[in-house]
Protein backbone atom coordinates (compact mmCIF):
# COMPACT_ATOMS: atom_id res chain seq x y z
CA MET A 1 132.34 120.80 134.33
CA CYS A 2 129.33 123.02 133.74
CA PHE A 3 127.52 123.07 130.41
CA SER A 4 129.10 125.68 128.17
CA PRO A 5 130.35 126.16 124.60
CA VAL A 6 133.56 124.38 125.64
CA GLY A 7 131.48 121.57 127.18
CA ASP A 8 129.50 121.14 123.96
CA LEU A 9 132.60 121.32 121.78
CA VAL A 10 134.73 118.90 123.80
CA GLY A 11 131.86 116.53 124.58
CA GLY A 12 130.72 116.54 120.96
CA ALA A 13 134.25 115.93 119.67
CA VAL A 14 134.72 112.97 122.02
CA VAL A 15 131.41 111.41 120.97
CA VAL A 16 132.20 111.99 117.27
CA ALA A 17 135.54 110.23 117.74
CA ILE A 18 133.75 107.29 119.39
CA GLY A 19 131.24 107.20 116.53
CA VAL A 20 134.01 107.22 113.90
CA ASP A 21 135.81 104.42 115.73
CA ALA A 22 132.59 102.41 115.98
CA CYS A 23 131.96 102.84 112.23
CA ARG A 24 135.48 101.61 111.49
CA HIS A 25 134.77 98.40 113.39
CA VAL A 26 131.38 97.50 111.92
CA LYS A 27 133.19 94.83 109.83
CA GLY A 28 130.45 94.20 107.32
CA ARG A 29 127.66 93.83 109.89
CA THR A 30 125.12 96.04 108.15
CA GLU A 31 122.66 96.12 111.04
CA ASN A 32 125.33 97.54 113.36
CA TRP A 33 125.70 100.69 111.26
CA ALA A 34 122.55 101.97 112.94
CA VAL A 35 124.13 102.01 116.39
CA ALA A 36 127.60 102.91 115.13
CA THR A 37 126.46 106.07 113.33
CA PHE A 38 124.09 107.31 116.06
CA PRO A 39 126.78 108.73 118.41
CA LEU A 40 128.47 110.26 115.36
CA LEU A 41 125.29 112.19 114.55
CA LEU A 42 124.67 113.22 118.16
CA GLY A 43 128.26 114.34 118.57
CA LEU A 44 128.05 116.59 115.50
CA HIS A 45 124.76 117.86 116.87
CA GLN A 46 126.47 119.00 120.07
CA ILE A 47 129.29 120.65 118.15
CA ASP A 48 126.65 122.57 116.20
CA GLU A 49 125.26 123.97 119.46
CA THR A 50 128.68 125.45 120.18
CA PHE A 51 127.95 128.00 117.45
CA VAL A 52 124.61 128.83 119.06
CA TRP A 53 126.46 129.59 122.31
CA TRP A 54 129.09 131.67 120.54
CA ALA A 55 126.48 133.72 118.65
CA LEU A 56 124.57 134.47 121.85
CA GLN A 57 127.82 135.50 123.49
CA GLY A 58 128.73 137.74 120.56
CA HIS A 59 131.74 135.73 119.39
CA VAL A 60 130.33 134.88 115.94
CA PRO A 61 127.78 136.69 113.73
CA ARG A 62 124.14 136.33 114.75
CA ASP A 63 123.23 134.91 111.32
CA ILE A 64 125.59 131.98 111.88
CA GLY A 65 123.99 131.43 115.26
CA ASN A 66 120.50 131.42 113.72
CA VAL A 67 121.50 128.81 111.15
CA ALA A 68 123.12 126.70 113.88
CA MET A 69 119.98 127.07 116.04
CA TRP A 70 117.73 125.84 113.23
CA ILE A 71 120.02 122.89 112.52
CA TYR A 72 120.08 122.02 116.21
CA LEU A 73 116.32 122.25 116.71
CA VAL A 74 115.39 120.46 113.49
CA PHE A 75 117.64 117.53 114.35
CA ALA A 76 116.69 117.40 118.04
CA LEU A 77 112.94 117.91 117.69
CA VAL A 78 112.02 116.92 114.13
CA VAL A 79 114.53 114.28 113.02
CA LEU A 80 115.18 112.32 116.23
CA PRO A 81 111.58 111.23 117.00
CA SER A 82 111.44 109.39 113.67
CA LEU A 83 115.12 108.50 113.34
CA VAL A 84 115.49 106.64 116.64
CA PRO A 85 112.82 103.96 116.00
CA CYS A 86 114.07 103.61 112.41
CA LEU A 87 117.67 102.97 113.47
CA LEU A 88 116.59 100.56 116.19
CA ALA A 89 114.42 98.59 113.75
CA ILE A 90 117.37 98.29 111.37
CA PHE A 91 119.58 97.06 114.22
CA GLU A 92 117.21 94.24 115.18
CA PRO A 93 118.04 90.88 113.52
CA SER A 94 114.47 89.58 113.69
CA ARG A 95 111.64 90.68 111.38
CA ARG A 96 109.12 90.00 114.12
CA ARG A 97 111.02 92.24 116.51
CA ARG A 98 111.33 94.95 113.86
CA ARG A 99 107.54 95.14 113.54
CA ARG A 100 107.35 96.20 117.20
CA TYR A 101 108.85 99.55 116.24
CA ALA A 102 106.04 100.44 113.81
CA PRO A 103 103.87 102.16 116.50
CA PHE A 104 106.85 104.13 117.76
CA LEU A 105 107.72 105.22 114.24
CA LEU A 106 104.13 106.34 113.67
CA VAL A 107 104.19 108.37 116.89
CA GLY A 108 107.55 109.81 115.91
CA LEU A 109 106.30 110.90 112.49
CA VAL A 110 103.31 112.63 114.08
CA VAL A 111 105.53 114.41 116.61
CA SER A 112 107.99 115.42 113.90
CA GLY A 113 105.20 116.87 111.76
CA VAL A 114 103.59 118.82 114.60
CA ILE A 115 106.88 120.29 115.81
CA LEU A 116 108.03 121.17 112.29
CA GLU A 117 104.77 123.01 111.66
CA ALA A 118 105.14 124.89 114.96
CA MET A 119 108.67 125.91 114.04
CA LEU A 120 107.71 127.10 110.55
CA VAL A 121 104.69 129.05 111.78
CA GLY A 122 106.31 130.43 114.91
CA HIS A 123 109.63 132.08 115.52
CA PRO A 124 112.14 129.74 117.22
CA ASP A 125 114.40 131.56 119.61
CA ALA A 126 117.41 130.79 121.78
CA ARG A 127 118.74 132.57 124.84
CA LEU A 128 121.46 131.93 127.37
CA GLY A 129 120.53 130.20 130.61
CA ALA A 130 122.76 129.66 133.62
CA TYR A 131 124.33 126.43 132.34
CA HIS A 132 122.43 125.79 129.14
CA VAL A 133 120.83 127.29 126.05
CA ALA A 134 117.08 127.79 126.47
CA TYR A 135 115.10 127.22 123.28
CA SER A 136 111.56 128.35 122.50
CA ILE A 137 109.58 127.24 119.44
CA GLY A 138 106.07 128.40 120.35
CA LEU A 139 104.68 124.87 120.58
CA GLN A 140 101.02 124.46 121.52
CA HIS A 141 100.03 121.55 123.79
CA GLY A 142 103.70 121.20 124.66
CA VAL A 143 103.25 118.70 127.50
CA LEU A 144 101.37 116.24 125.26
CA ILE A 145 103.80 116.57 122.36
CA ILE A 146 106.86 116.19 124.57
CA GLY A 147 105.25 113.15 126.17
CA LEU A 148 104.80 111.58 122.72
CA TYR A 149 108.37 112.59 121.86
CA ILE A 150 109.59 110.61 124.88
CA VAL A 151 107.47 107.63 123.83
CA ALA A 152 109.01 107.65 120.33
CA THR A 153 112.64 108.13 121.40
CA CYS A 154 112.93 106.41 124.78
CA GLY A 155 109.98 104.03 124.55
CA SER A 156 111.37 102.46 121.40
CA LEU A 157 114.62 101.68 123.24
CA LEU A 158 112.72 99.82 125.96
CA VAL A 159 111.42 97.19 123.50
CA SER A 160 114.86 96.46 122.03
CA GLY A 161 116.14 92.89 122.09
CA ASN A 162 119.54 94.19 123.19
CA ARG A 163 119.97 94.64 126.92
CA ALA A 164 122.44 97.50 126.56
CA LEU A 165 119.96 99.51 124.51
CA VAL A 166 117.17 98.79 127.00
CA TRP A 167 119.34 100.15 129.81
CA PHE A 168 120.13 103.14 127.60
CA GLY A 169 116.38 103.73 127.35
CA VAL A 170 115.90 103.41 131.11
CA ALA A 171 118.77 105.84 131.76
CA ASN A 172 117.26 108.34 129.31
CA VAL A 173 113.81 108.15 130.89
CA LEU A 174 115.31 108.81 134.33
CA ALA A 175 117.40 111.66 132.94
CA ILE A 176 114.36 113.23 131.28
CA ILE A 177 112.44 113.21 134.57
CA VAL A 178 115.33 114.76 136.49
CA LEU A 179 116.08 117.41 133.85
CA ALA A 180 112.41 118.34 133.46
CA LEU A 181 112.15 118.89 137.20
CA LEU A 182 115.41 120.80 137.53
CA CYS A 183 115.42 122.89 134.39
CA ALA A 184 112.33 122.85 132.18
CA ASP A 185 113.47 125.59 129.79
CA GLY A 186 116.84 123.91 129.28
CA PHE A 187 115.40 120.45 128.62
CA THR A 188 116.29 120.29 124.91
CA SER A 189 119.87 121.43 125.37
CA LEU A 190 120.70 119.42 128.50
CA TRP A 191 119.01 116.18 127.48
CA CYS A 192 120.62 116.15 124.03
CA PHE A 193 124.03 116.69 125.65
CA TYR A 194 123.37 113.82 128.05
CA ALA A 195 122.05 111.54 125.29
CA ALA A 196 125.13 112.21 123.14
CA LEU A 197 127.51 111.22 125.93
CA VAL A 198 125.56 108.09 126.89
CA SER A 199 125.18 107.02 123.24
CA GLY A 200 128.96 107.17 122.99
CA ALA A 201 129.23 104.80 125.94
CA ILE A 202 126.71 102.45 124.33
CA ALA A 203 128.66 102.47 121.05
CA VAL A 204 131.84 101.51 122.92
CA HIS A 205 129.99 98.71 124.69
CA LEU A 206 128.49 97.31 121.49
CA ARG A 207 131.63 97.33 119.35
CA TRP A 208 134.18 96.24 121.96
CA PRO A 209 135.53 92.79 121.01
CA SER A 210 135.36 91.51 124.59
CA THR A 211 131.70 92.55 124.86
CA PRO A 212 129.75 90.84 122.06
CA VAL A 213 126.34 92.14 121.07
CA ALA A 214 123.74 90.00 122.79
CA PHE A 215 120.08 89.80 121.90
CA SER A 216 117.47 88.12 124.05
CA ARG A 217 115.82 84.93 122.84
CA ALA A 218 112.66 86.87 122.21
CA SER A 219 114.35 88.57 119.27
CA VAL A 220 114.95 85.32 117.35
């Protein structure tokens, strides 16, 4: 199935359902809320992009599309770089392991600030691509900032004490490389769609009774 408003809507709805189910099975384990709620947020994020598609196609008013675009970009580019290391730190059972996320959080905060400033000063725009929505925010030094964005979001996964989350990070790094090579202007849209679907799979893996959450000894 190609990426489309239907793809965003159906994919987002499936991931939201997985996130809701994961939240229902946290069973008092406070640290697991971080992973349980993440696919829920990413699923809603993809549903929001459906309205961006529809506005660009003329199915809903342009003003609704602009609001949806801002929500999408703020979450994808401003919130996620700081949110990901925060959620992962909460999920870790060891204080020593949690401290490893401090550098990633610092990088994420810097990236969030720079991108937010670029969005407020510039004029974010969205247009239809072949199989994606292409976003433009007028970011200066884009290669450097996107590199730091990847460090904050994917790099923080690679230091997790949970093997499933490490593999999630590896899969995201590989996906970023492939998407950047295939479709640079659709990177934000395509990677967020991919991350939402994979995060749903991770949530299923972590909450399934027959697959207990396992941390490495280094996290103790």
